[in-house]
Amino acid sequence: MCLPLRLTTTRCGCASPGVLANMRQSGVDTLIVYADKEHGGNFEYLTGFIPRFEEALLVLHRDGEAVLVLGNENLKLAGHAGWKTGVIHAPWFSLPNQSMETGKTLAQRLQEAGVAAENRIGLAGWKLFTGAADDRAQMFDLPAFIVDAIRQAAGPQARLTNATGIFIDPASGARVTNNANELAHYEYGANLASTAILTALNAVAPGKTEKQIGALLAAEGQPNSVVMIAATGERFAWANLYPGDKVIQRGDKFSLTTGFKGGLSSRAAYVVADESELAPRWLIISRSWRSPISTRW
């Protein structure tokens, strides 16, 4: 069993200087970091949490001053962030059918967070755009209503630029190097994933369903970082991505994937008793890998 190890330092106190240094190097005066549940890695790197159910922003100025912009259900987390920040309520980030009345616009709220016309503003989403034909500095993977509000807050002379590379540029991104504590912290998720895959592989047998095997891909109540796969036979019937009631048959192709924060594991197999049941081309591949492509039961 691998026990979870908490991060002993916050990104503000330890690695945030790397973010601030990259801001200065890029000429960014104000960095606006976007987050939602599926795209919260850069935000979490600095704050220690991701916004459940909602969108969120971290407005970070080059002097280190920071303001969290949060919806209804994440306001309570501001006091538990990685370091002391200001906080601004943005109910537009909340779930539908909750009150969004504030008497101010989102642009006005962002001005309160320090978004100003004289600043060069970097927007950090979650992916690097790499197309050589694109104007990558002007491609933003934030919701349009947020980008529009930022432009309104900063005015027509605003200089917006894609700044996701501050975090994840392969050469200089602040997040591309982990310290020993971080490696140990993320090993927990990697171990959960590999252990779950092994448990599921050992359980595969004709007559069981995808759901029965898929249930073994969960681990210790931790959230998955990927859509788990437990698929037998032909994949994507009816465009379905999730384990279903399909029964495992002898000779089926079988795929397994699960992941947690820190690691993802994936395996593919044929449900056969031994190599003699493999088609000739798969037998050749099996022997070239020096490992049978089979699940024994």
C-alpha atoms as a PDB file:
ATOM      1  CA  MET A   1       0.000   0.000   0.000  1.00  0.00           C
ATOM      2  CA  CYS A   2       1.198   3.494  -0.875  1.00  0.00           C
ATOM      3  CA  LEU A   3       0.192   6.131   1.661  1.00  0.00           C
ATOM      4  CA  PRO A   4      -0.567   9.695   0.505  1.00  0.00           C
ATOM      5  CA  LEU A   5       2.019  12.334   1.310  1.00  0.00           C
ATOM      6  CA  ARG A   6       0.884  15.919   1.590  1.00  0.00           C
ATOM      7  CA  LEU A   7       2.744  18.679  -0.184  1.00  0.00           C
ATOM      8  CA  THR A   8       4.881  20.335   2.457  1.00  0.00           C
ATOM      9  CA  THR A   9       5.255  23.665   0.662  1.00  0.00           C
ATOM     10  CA  THR A  10       2.835  25.888  -1.161  1.00  0.00           C
ATOM     11  CA  ARG A  11       3.540  27.066  -4.629  1.00  0.00           C
ATOM     12  CA  CYS A  12       3.453  30.635  -3.426  1.00  0.00           C
ATOM     13  CA  GLY A  13       6.127  30.039  -0.856  1.00  0.00           C
ATOM     14  CA  CYS A  14       8.300  27.731  -2.960  1.00  0.00           C
ATOM     15  CA  ALA A  15       7.756  27.598  -6.707  1.00  0.00           C
ATOM     16  CA  SER A  16       5.714  30.735  -7.249  1.00  0.00           C
ATOM     17  CA  PRO A  17       8.966  32.682  -7.630  1.00  0.00           C
ATOM     18  CA  GLY A  18       9.364  30.602 -10.798  1.00  0.00           C
ATOM     19  CA  VAL A  19       5.973  31.811 -12.013  1.00  0.00           C
ATOM     20  CA  LEU A  20       6.799  35.413 -11.142  1.00  0.00           C
ATOM     21  CA  ALA A  21      10.172  35.128 -12.854  1.00  0.00           C
ATOM     22  CA  ASN A  22       8.509  33.771 -15.981  1.00  0.00           C
ATOM     23  CA  MET A  23       6.012  36.634 -15.880  1.00  0.00           C
ATOM     24  CA  ARG A  24       8.850  39.147 -15.835  1.00  0.00           C
ATOM     25  CA  GLN A  25      10.693  37.270 -18.584  1.00  0.00           C
ATOM     26  CA  SER A  26       7.540  37.305 -20.729  1.00  0.00           C
ATOM     27  CA  GLY A  27       6.779  40.930 -19.998  1.00  0.00           C
ATOM     28  CA  VAL A  28       3.462  40.042 -18.331  1.00  0.00           C
ATOM     29  CA  ASP A  29       2.287  42.493 -15.682  1.00  0.00           C
ATOM     30  CA  THR A  30      -0.889  40.654 -14.687  1.00  0.00           C
ATOM     31  CA  LEU A  31      -1.435  36.901 -15.062  1.00  0.00           C
ATOM     32  CA  ILE A  32      -5.011  35.600 -15.065  1.00  0.00           C
ATOM     33  CA  VAL A  33      -5.147  31.860 -14.396  1.00  0.00           C
ATOM     34  CA  TYR A  34      -8.349  30.051 -15.376  1.00  0.00           C
ATOM     35  CA  ALA A  35      -9.758  26.939 -13.723  1.00  0.00           C
ATOM     36  CA  ASP A  36     -12.690  24.595 -13.749  1.00  0.00           C
ATOM     37  CA  LYS A  37     -12.928  21.034 -12.465  1.00  0.00           C
ATOM     38  CA  GLU A  38     -11.281  19.496 -15.527  1.00  0.00           C
ATOM     39  CA  HIS A  39      -8.842  22.302 -16.286  1.00  0.00           C
ATOM     40  CA  GLY A  40      -7.554  23.358 -12.897  1.00  0.00           C
ATOM     41  CA  GLY A  41      -3.932  22.208 -12.821  1.00  0.00           C
ATOM     42  CA  ASN A  42      -2.258  25.610 -13.134  1.00  0.00           C
ATOM     43  CA  PHE A  43      -4.699  27.181 -10.693  1.00  0.00           C
ATOM     44  CA  GLU A  44      -4.255  24.357  -8.170  1.00  0.00           C
ATOM     45  CA  TYR A  45      -0.482  24.618  -8.503  1.00  0.00           C
ATOM     46  CA  LEU A  46      -0.675  28.057  -6.903  1.00  0.00           C
ATOM     47  CA  THR A  47      -3.730  27.805  -4.659  1.00  0.00           C
ATOM     48  CA  GLY A  48      -3.852  24.184  -3.517  1.00  0.00           C
ATOM     49  CA  PHE A  49      -7.426  23.534  -4.707  1.00  0.00           C
ATOM     50  CA  ILE A  50      -9.596  23.279  -7.795  1.00  0.00           C
ATOM     51  CA  PRO A  51     -13.067  24.826  -8.028  1.00  0.00           C
ATOM     52  CA  ARG A  52     -15.735  22.160  -7.757  1.00  0.00           C
ATOM     53  CA  PHE A  53     -18.752  22.677 -10.057  1.00  0.00           C
ATOM     54  CA  GLU A  54     -17.659  26.176 -11.040  1.00  0.00           C
ATOM     55  CA  GLU A  55     -15.185  28.309 -12.934  1.00  0.00           C
ATOM     56  CA  ALA A  56     -12.579  30.355 -11.084  1.00  0.00           C
ATOM     57  CA  LEU A  57      -9.803  32.839 -11.755  1.00  0.00           C
ATOM     58  CA  LEU A  58      -6.595  33.740  -9.980  1.00  0.00           C
ATOM     59  CA  VAL A  59      -5.386  37.242 -10.814  1.00  0.00           C
ATOM     60  CA  LEU A  60      -1.671  37.387 -10.042  1.00  0.00           C
ATOM     61  CA  HIS A  61       0.273  40.635 -10.320  1.00  0.00           C
ATOM     62  CA  ARG A  62       4.009  40.787 -10.923  1.00  0.00           C
ATOM     63  CA  ASP A  63       4.606  42.152  -7.399  1.00  0.00           C
ATOM     64  CA  GLY A  64       3.120  38.918  -5.988  1.00  0.00           C
ATOM     65  CA  GLU A  65      -0.238  40.366  -4.997  1.00  0.00           C
ATOM     66  CA  ALA A  66      -3.034  37.950  -5.859  1.00  0.00           C
ATOM     67  CA  VAL A  67      -6.823  37.973  -5.961  1.00  0.00           C
ATOM     68  CA  LEU A  68      -9.111  34.963  -6.239  1.00  0.00           C
ATOM     69  CA  VAL A  69     -12.309  35.401  -8.246  1.00  0.00           C
ATOM     70  CA  LEU A  70     -14.733  32.694  -7.119  1.00  0.00           C
ATOM     71  CA  GLY A  71     -18.333  31.562  -7.474  1.00  0.00           C
ATOM     72  CA  ASN A  72     -20.807  30.877  -4.684  1.00  0.00           C
ATOM     73  CA  GLU A  73     -19.648  27.410  -3.640  1.00  0.00           C
ATOM     74  CA  ASN A  74     -15.915  28.087  -3.671  1.00  0.00           C
ATOM     75  CA  LEU A  75     -15.809  31.292  -1.646  1.00  0.00           C
ATOM     76  CA  LYS A  76     -15.308  29.207   1.483  1.00  0.00           C
ATOM     77  CA  LEU A  77     -12.037  27.818   0.099  1.00  0.00           C
ATOM     78  CA  ALA A  78     -10.356  31.212  -0.285  1.00  0.00           C
ATOM     79  CA  GLY A  79      -9.194  31.178   3.324  1.00  0.00           C
ATOM     80  CA  HIS A  80      -7.559  27.798   2.788  1.00  0.00           C
ATOM     81  CA  ALA A  81      -5.591  28.729  -0.335  1.00  0.00           C
ATOM     82  CA  GLY A  82      -1.843  28.294  -0.498  1.00  0.00           C
ATOM     83  CA  TRP A  83      -1.234  31.876   0.579  1.00  0.00           C
ATOM     84  CA  LYS A  84      -3.039  35.013   1.604  1.00  0.00           C
ATOM     85  CA  THR A  85      -5.008  36.476  -1.276  1.00  0.00           C
ATOM     86  CA  GLY A  86      -7.799  38.888  -1.847  1.00  0.00           C
ATOM     87  CA  VAL A  87     -11.123  37.374  -2.871  1.00  0.00           C
ATOM     88  CA  ILE A  88     -13.896  38.684  -5.102  1.00  0.00           C
ATOM     89  CA  HIS A  89     -17.309  37.080  -5.463  1.00  0.00           C
ATOM     90  CA  ALA A  90     -18.274  36.258  -9.068  1.00  0.00           C
ATOM     91  CA  PRO A  91     -21.650  34.493  -9.047  1.00  0.00           C
ATOM     92  CA  TRP A  92     -21.490  34.147 -12.859  1.00  0.00           C
ATOM     93  CA  PHE A  93     -19.092  31.282 -12.144  1.00  0.00           C
ATOM     94  CA  SER A  94     -21.734  29.455 -10.099  1.00  0.00           C
ATOM     95  CA  LEU A  95     -24.114  26.691 -11.117  1.00  0.00           C
ATOM     96  CA  PRO A  96     -27.178  27.530 -13.224  1.00  0.00           C
ATOM     97  CA  ASN A  97     -30.324  28.668 -11.413  1.00  0.00           C
ATOM     98  CA  GLN A  98     -28.380  30.275  -8.580  1.00  0.00           C
ATOM     99  CA  SER A  99     -28.669  34.020  -8.118  1.00  0.00           C
ATOM    100  CA  MET A 100     -26.233  36.046 -10.224  1.00  0.00           C
ATOM    101  CA  GLU A 101     -27.328  39.500  -9.091  1.00  0.00           C
ATOM    102  CA  THR A 102     -24.481  41.688  -7.807  1.00  0.00           C
ATOM    103  CA  GLY A 103     -25.234  45.184  -9.094  1.00  0.00           C
ATOM    104  CA  LYS A 104     -21.921  45.081 -10.970  1.00  0.00           C
ATOM    105  CA  THR A 105     -20.684  43.492 -14.157  1.00  0.00           C
ATOM    106  CA  LEU A 106     -18.013  40.823 -14.326  1.00  0.00           C
ATOM    107  CA  ALA A 107     -15.757  43.398 -16.009  1.00  0.00           C
ATOM    108  CA  GLN A 108     -16.181  45.724 -13.025  1.00  0.00           C
ATOM    109  CA  ARG A 109     -15.348  42.885 -10.634  1.00  0.00           C
ATOM    110  CA  LEU A 110     -12.183  42.167 -12.609  1.00  0.00           C
ATOM    111  CA  GLN A 111     -11.202  45.829 -12.372  1.00  0.00           C
ATOM    112  CA  GLU A 112     -11.518  45.491  -8.610  1.00  0.00           C
ATOM    113  CA  ALA A 113      -9.051  42.605  -8.890  1.00  0.00           C
ATOM    114  CA  GLY A 114      -6.556  44.924 -10.553  1.00  0.00           C
ATOM    115  CA  VAL A 115      -7.155  44.235 -14.236  1.00  0.00           C
ATOM    116  CA  ALA A 116      -6.168  47.574 -15.757  1.00  0.00           C
ATOM    117  CA  ALA A 117      -5.595  49.127 -19.174  1.00  0.00           C
ATOM    118  CA  GLU A 118      -1.938  49.955 -18.633  1.00  0.00           C
ATOM    119  CA  ASN A 119      -1.005  46.341 -17.999  1.00  0.00           C
ATOM    120  CA  ARG A 120       0.098  43.600 -20.370  1.00  0.00           C
ATOM    121  CA  ILE A 121      -2.230  40.783 -19.406  1.00  0.00           C
ATOM    122  CA  GLY A 122      -1.387  37.101 -19.768  1.00  0.00           C
ATOM    123  CA  LEU A 123      -4.156  34.493 -19.863  1.00  0.00           C
ATOM    124  CA  ALA A 124      -3.306  30.979 -18.701  1.00  0.00           C
ATOM    125  CA  GLY A 125      -5.659  28.179 -19.640  1.00  0.00           C
ATOM    126  CA  TRP A 126      -4.600  24.545 -19.728  1.00  0.00           C
ATOM    127  CA  LYS A 127      -3.029  23.681 -23.101  1.00  0.00           C
ATOM    128  CA  LEU A 128      -0.176  24.829 -25.302  1.00  0.00           C
ATOM    129  CA  PHE A 129      -1.122  25.771 -28.847  1.00  0.00           C
ATOM    130  CA  THR A 130       1.644  24.680 -31.214  1.00  0.00           C
ATOM    131  CA  GLY A 131       0.349  25.217 -34.761  1.00  0.00           C
ATOM    132  CA  ALA A 132       2.992  27.078 -36.765  1.00  0.00           C
ATOM    133  CA  ALA A 133       0.342  28.765 -38.944  1.00  0.00           C
ATOM    134  CA  ASP A 134      -1.571  30.143 -35.932  1.00  0.00           C
ATOM    135  CA  ASP A 135      -1.115  33.381 -34.037  1.00  0.00           C
ATOM    136  CA  ARG A 136      -0.643  31.379 -30.843  1.00  0.00           C
ATOM    137  CA  ALA A 137      -0.261  34.431 -28.627  1.00  0.00           C
ATOM    138  CA  GLN A 138      -3.841  35.384 -29.480  1.00  0.00           C
ATOM    139  CA  MET A 139      -5.455  31.966 -28.959  1.00  0.00           C
ATOM    140  CA  PHE A 140      -7.220  31.633 -25.600  1.00  0.00           C
ATOM    141  CA  ASP A 141      -8.765  28.489 -24.143  1.00  0.00           C
ATOM    142  CA  LEU A 142     -10.886  30.334 -21.563  1.00  0.00           C
ATOM    143  CA  PRO A 143     -14.666  30.719 -21.899  1.00  0.00           C
ATOM    144  CA  ALA A 144     -15.545  33.579 -24.247  1.00  0.00           C
ATOM    145  CA  PHE A 145     -17.630  35.406 -21.637  1.00  0.00           C
ATOM    146  CA  ILE A 146     -14.563  35.631 -19.394  1.00  0.00           C
ATOM    147  CA  VAL A 147     -12.215  36.780 -22.165  1.00  0.00           C
ATOM    148  CA  ASP A 148     -14.790  39.392 -23.209  1.00  0.00           C
ATOM    149  CA  ALA A 149     -15.050  40.650 -19.633  1.00  0.00           C
ATOM    150  CA  ILE A 150     -11.257  40.888 -19.358  1.00  0.00           C
ATOM    151  CA  ARG A 151     -11.136  42.970 -22.540  1.00  0.00           C
ATOM    152  CA  GLN A 152     -13.906  45.214 -21.217  1.00  0.00           C
ATOM    153  CA  ALA A 153     -12.146  45.610 -17.868  1.00  0.00           C
ATOM    154  CA  ALA A 154      -8.828  46.516 -19.457  1.00  0.00           C
ATOM    155  CA  GLY A 155     -10.242  48.699 -22.225  1.00  0.00           C
ATOM    156  CA  PRO A 156      -9.603  48.873 -25.978  1.00  0.00           C
ATOM    157  CA  GLN A 157      -5.855  49.343 -25.547  1.00  0.00           C
ATOM    158  CA  ALA A 158      -5.528  46.082 -23.629  1.00  0.00           C
ATOM    159  CA  ARG A 159      -2.626  43.860 -24.604  1.00  0.00           C
ATOM    160  CA  LEU A 160      -3.770  40.295 -24.013  1.00  0.00           C
ATOM    161  CA  THR A 161      -1.491  37.337 -24.673  1.00  0.00           C
ATOM    162  CA  ASN A 162      -1.606  33.590 -24.153  1.00  0.00           C
ATOM    163  CA  ALA A 163       0.602  32.896 -21.122  1.00  0.00           C
ATOM    164  CA  THR A 164      -0.020  29.204 -20.437  1.00  0.00           C
ATOM    165  CA  GLY A 165       3.639  28.558 -21.210  1.00  0.00           C
ATOM    166  CA  ILE A 166       4.570  30.301 -17.962  1.00  0.00           C
ATOM    167  CA  PHE A 167       3.453  27.065 -16.320  1.00  0.00           C
ATOM    168  CA  ILE A 168       3.972  24.265 -18.847  1.00  0.00           C
ATOM    169  CA  ASP A 169       6.362  25.367 -21.575  1.00  0.00           C
ATOM    170  CA  PRO A 170       8.658  22.314 -21.984  1.00  0.00           C
ATOM    171  CA  ALA A 171      11.797  24.430 -21.757  1.00  0.00           C
ATOM    172  CA  SER A 172      10.971  26.929 -19.045  1.00  0.00           C
ATOM    173  CA  GLY A 173       7.562  26.242 -17.510  1.00  0.00           C
ATOM    174  CA  ALA A 174       7.420  26.535 -13.729  1.00  0.00           C
ATOM    175  CA  ARG A 175       5.577  23.224 -13.427  1.00  0.00           C
ATOM    176  CA  VAL A 176       7.848  21.041 -15.553  1.00  0.00           C
ATOM    177  CA  THR A 177      10.293  20.366 -12.707  1.00  0.00           C
ATOM    178  CA  ASN A 178       9.115  18.636  -9.534  1.00  0.00           C
ATOM    179  CA  ASN A 179      10.944  18.475  -6.222  1.00  0.00           C
ATOM    180  CA  ALA A 180      11.288  15.310  -4.140  1.00  0.00           C
ATOM    181  CA  ASN A 181       8.244  16.095  -2.026  1.00  0.00           C
ATOM    182  CA  GLU A 182       6.091  16.556  -5.122  1.00  0.00           C
ATOM    183  CA  LEU A 183       7.318  13.313  -6.668  1.00  0.00           C
ATOM    184  CA  ALA A 184       6.432  11.423  -3.499  1.00  0.00           C
ATOM    185  CA  HIS A 185       3.059  13.175  -3.354  1.00  0.00           C
ATOM    186  CA  TYR A 186       2.153  12.209  -6.925  1.00  0.00           C
ATOM    187  CA  GLU A 187       3.444   8.658  -6.530  1.00  0.00           C
ATOM    188  CA  TYR A 188       0.324   7.944  -4.481  1.00  0.00           C
ATOM    189  CA  GLY A 189      -1.921   8.462  -7.502  1.00  0.00           C
ATOM    190  CA  ALA A 190       0.417   6.545  -9.792  1.00  0.00           C
ATOM    191  CA  ASN A 191       0.400   3.618  -7.370  1.00  0.00           C
ATOM    192  CA  LEU A 192      -3.387   3.668  -7.103  1.00  0.00           C
ATOM    193  CA  ALA A 193      -3.669   3.474 -10.890  1.00  0.00           C
ATOM    194  CA  SER A 194      -1.215   0.631 -11.416  1.00  0.00           C
ATOM    195  CA  THR A 195      -2.616  -1.378  -8.493  1.00  0.00           C
ATOM    196  CA  ALA A 196      -6.181  -0.976  -9.777  1.00  0.00           C
ATOM    197  CA  ILE A 197      -5.145  -2.111 -13.264  1.00  0.00           C
ATOM    198  CA  LEU A 198      -3.432  -5.215 -11.858  1.00  0.00           C
ATOM    199  CA  THR A 199      -6.481  -6.041  -9.720  1.00  0.00           C
ATOM    200  CA  ALA A 200      -8.787  -5.658 -12.723  1.00  0.00           C
ATOM    201  CA  LEU A 201      -6.547  -7.723 -15.015  1.00  0.00           C
ATOM    202  CA  ASN A 202      -6.471 -10.550 -12.511  1.00  0.00           C
ATOM    203  CA  ALA A 203     -10.275 -10.514 -12.377  1.00  0.00           C
ATOM    204  CA  VAL A 204     -10.934 -10.696 -16.124  1.00  0.00           C
ATOM    205  CA  ALA A 205     -12.713 -13.909 -17.127  1.00  0.00           C
ATOM    206  CA  PRO A 206     -15.341 -14.973 -19.669  1.00  0.00           C
ATOM    207  CA  GLY A 207     -18.863 -14.467 -18.369  1.00  0.00           C
ATOM    208  CA  LYS A 208     -18.118 -11.320 -16.389  1.00  0.00           C
ATOM    209  CA  THR A 209     -19.310  -7.908 -17.554  1.00  0.00           C
ATOM    210  CA  GLU A 210     -17.432  -4.719 -18.290  1.00  0.00           C
ATOM    211  CA  LYS A 211     -19.119  -3.139 -15.278  1.00  0.00           C
ATOM    212  CA  GLN A 212     -17.852  -5.849 -12.959  1.00  0.00           C
ATOM    213  CA  ILE A 213     -14.276  -5.243 -14.088  1.00  0.00           C
ATOM    214  CA  GLY A 214     -14.719  -1.472 -14.307  1.00  0.00           C
ATOM    215  CA  ALA A 215     -15.779  -1.333 -10.667  1.00  0.00           C
ATOM    216  CA  LEU A 216     -12.270  -2.459  -9.755  1.00  0.00           C
ATOM    217  CA  LEU A 217     -10.720   0.611 -11.383  1.00  0.00           C
ATOM    218  CA  ALA A 218     -11.896   2.927  -8.589  1.00  0.00           C
ATOM    219  CA  ALA A 219      -9.549   3.350  -5.640  1.00  0.00           C
ATOM    220  CA  GLU A 220      -9.835   4.685  -2.100  1.00  0.00           C
ATOM    221  CA  GLY A 221     -12.496   7.220  -3.013  1.00  0.00           C
ATOM    222  CA  GLN A 222     -10.057   9.310  -5.072  1.00  0.00           C
ATOM    223  CA  PRO A 223     -11.310  11.178  -8.167  1.00  0.00           C
ATOM    224  CA  ASN A 224     -10.306   9.762 -11.511  1.00  0.00           C
ATOM    225  CA  SER A 225      -8.231  11.960 -13.796  1.00  0.00           C
ATOM    226  CA  VAL A 226      -9.443  10.125 -16.904  1.00  0.00           C
ATOM    227  CA  VAL A 227     -12.568   8.402 -18.165  1.00  0.00           C
ATOM    228  CA  MET A 228     -11.909   4.849 -17.013  1.00  0.00           C
ATOM    229  CA  ILE A 229     -12.002   2.116 -19.652  1.00  0.00           C
ATOM    230  CA  ALA A 230     -13.068  -1.501 -19.212  1.00  0.00           C
ATOM    231  CA  ALA A 231     -14.025  -2.535 -22.731  1.00  0.00           C
ATOM    232  CA  THR A 232     -14.387  -5.991 -24.209  1.00  0.00           C
ATOM    233  CA  GLY A 233     -14.785  -6.867 -27.881  1.00  0.00           C
ATOM    234  CA  GLU A 234     -15.327  -4.046 -30.356  1.00  0.00           C
ATOM    235  CA  ARG A 235     -14.958  -0.597 -28.800  1.00  0.00           C
ATOM    236  CA  PHE A 236     -17.354   2.348 -28.962  1.00  0.00           C
ATOM    237  CA  ALA A 237     -20.584   0.501 -29.808  1.00  0.00           C
ATOM    238  CA  TRP A 238     -23.326   3.159 -29.953  1.00  0.00           C
ATOM    239  CA  ALA A 239     -20.515   5.677 -29.268  1.00  0.00           C
ATOM    240  CA  ASN A 240     -20.441   4.518 -25.642  1.00  0.00           C
ATOM    241  CA  LEU A 241     -17.295   5.413 -23.692  1.00  0.00           C
ATOM    242  CA  TYR A 242     -18.098   3.763 -20.364  1.00  0.00           C
ATOM    243  CA  PRO A 243     -18.141   0.212 -18.993  1.00  0.00           C
ATOM    244  CA  GLY A 244     -21.462  -1.410 -19.792  1.00  0.00           C
ATOM    245  CA  ASP A 245     -23.275  -4.720 -19.514  1.00  0.00           C
ATOM    246  CA  LYS A 246     -21.387  -6.371 -22.372  1.00  0.00           C
ATOM    247  CA  VAL A 247     -20.295  -9.852 -21.346  1.00  0.00           C
ATOM    248  CA  ILE A 248     -16.666 -10.859 -21.797  1.00  0.00           C
ATOM    249  CA  GLN A 249     -16.271 -13.618 -24.380  1.00  0.00           C
ATOM    250  CA  ARG A 250     -13.318 -15.908 -24.905  1.00  0.00           C
ATOM    251  CA  GLY A 251     -11.158 -14.467 -27.674  1.00  0.00           C
ATOM    252  CA  ASP A 252     -12.282 -10.871 -27.085  1.00  0.00           C
ATOM    253  CA  LYS A 253      -9.955  -7.910 -27.252  1.00  0.00           C
ATOM    254  CA  PHE A 254      -9.935  -6.213 -23.881  1.00  0.00           C
ATOM    255  CA  SER A 255      -8.833  -2.707 -22.837  1.00  0.00           C
ATOM    256  CA  LEU A 256      -8.306  -1.207 -19.385  1.00  0.00           C
ATOM    257  CA  THR A 257      -7.426   2.353 -18.373  1.00  0.00           C
ATOM    258  CA  THR A 258      -7.600   4.281 -15.137  1.00  0.00           C
ATOM    259  CA  GLY A 259      -5.799   7.305 -13.771  1.00  0.00           C
ATOM    260  CA  PHE A 260      -5.479   9.444 -10.681  1.00  0.00           C
ATOM    261  CA  LYS A 261      -3.580  12.632  -9.975  1.00  0.00           C
ATOM    262  CA  GLY A 262       0.004  11.502 -10.370  1.00  0.00           C
ATOM    263  CA  GLY A 263      -0.293   8.719 -12.894  1.00  0.00           C
ATOM    264  CA  LEU A 264      -2.299   6.836 -15.497  1.00  0.00           C
ATOM    265  CA  SER A 265      -2.096   3.135 -16.328  1.00  0.00           C
ATOM    266  CA  SER A 266      -3.474   1.358 -19.365  1.00  0.00           C
ATOM    267  CA  ARG A 267      -3.339  -2.217 -20.654  1.00  0.00           C
ATOM    268  CA  ALA A 268      -4.657  -4.070 -23.685  1.00  0.00           C
ATOM    269  CA  ALA A 269      -5.098  -7.839 -23.866  1.00  0.00           C
ATOM    270  CA  TYR A 270      -6.750 -10.741 -25.570  1.00  0.00           C
ATOM    271  CA  VAL A 271      -8.967 -12.899 -23.395  1.00  0.00           C
ATOM    272  CA  VAL A 272      -7.390 -16.265 -24.157  1.00  0.00           C
ATOM    273  CA  ALA A 273      -6.194 -19.200 -22.125  1.00  0.00           C
ATOM    274  CA  ASP A 274      -2.751 -19.272 -23.736  1.00  0.00           C
ATOM    275  CA  GLU A 275      -0.815 -18.126 -26.795  1.00  0.00           C
ATOM    276  CA  SER A 276      -2.107 -20.967 -28.944  1.00  0.00           C
ATOM    277  CA  GLU A 277      -5.458 -19.171 -29.148  1.00  0.00           C
ATOM    278  CA  LEU A 278      -3.948 -15.993 -30.585  1.00  0.00           C
ATOM    279  CA  ALA A 279      -4.163 -15.126 -34.275  1.00  0.00           C
ATOM    280  CA  PRO A 280      -0.756 -15.593 -35.987  1.00  0.00           C
ATOM    281  CA  ARG A 281       0.016 -11.866 -36.279  1.00  0.00           C
ATOM    282  CA  TRP A 282      -0.697 -11.294 -32.586  1.00  0.00           C
ATOM    283  CA  LEU A 283       1.431 -14.286 -31.680  1.00  0.00           C
ATOM    284  CA  ILE A 284       4.363 -12.702 -33.537  1.00  0.00           C
ATOM    285  CA  ILE A 285       3.842  -9.401 -31.714  1.00  0.00           C
ATOM    286  CA  SER A 286       3.500 -11.221 -28.411  1.00  0.00           C
ATOM    287  CA  ARG A 287       6.816 -12.966 -28.883  1.00  0.00           C
ATOM    288  CA  SER A 288       8.543  -9.783 -30.072  1.00  0.00           C
ATOM    289  CA  TRP A 289       7.447  -8.111 -26.835  1.00  0.00           C
ATOM    290  CA  ARG A 290       8.637 -11.188 -24.906  1.00  0.00           C
ATOM    291  CA  SER A 291       5.364 -11.124 -23.044  1.00  0.00           C
ATOM    292  CA  PRO A 292       2.071 -12.868 -23.866  1.00  0.00           C
ATOM    293  CA  ILE A 293      -0.815 -10.634 -24.882  1.00  0.00           C
ATOM    294  CA  SER A 294      -3.253 -12.616 -22.829  1.00  0.00           C
ATOM    295  CA  THR A 295      -5.164 -12.614 -19.616  1.00  0.00           C
ATOM    296  CA  ARG A 296      -5.145 -15.974 -17.864  1.00  0.00           C
ATOM    297  CA  TRP A 297      -7.966 -17.144 -15.621  1.00  0.00           C
END
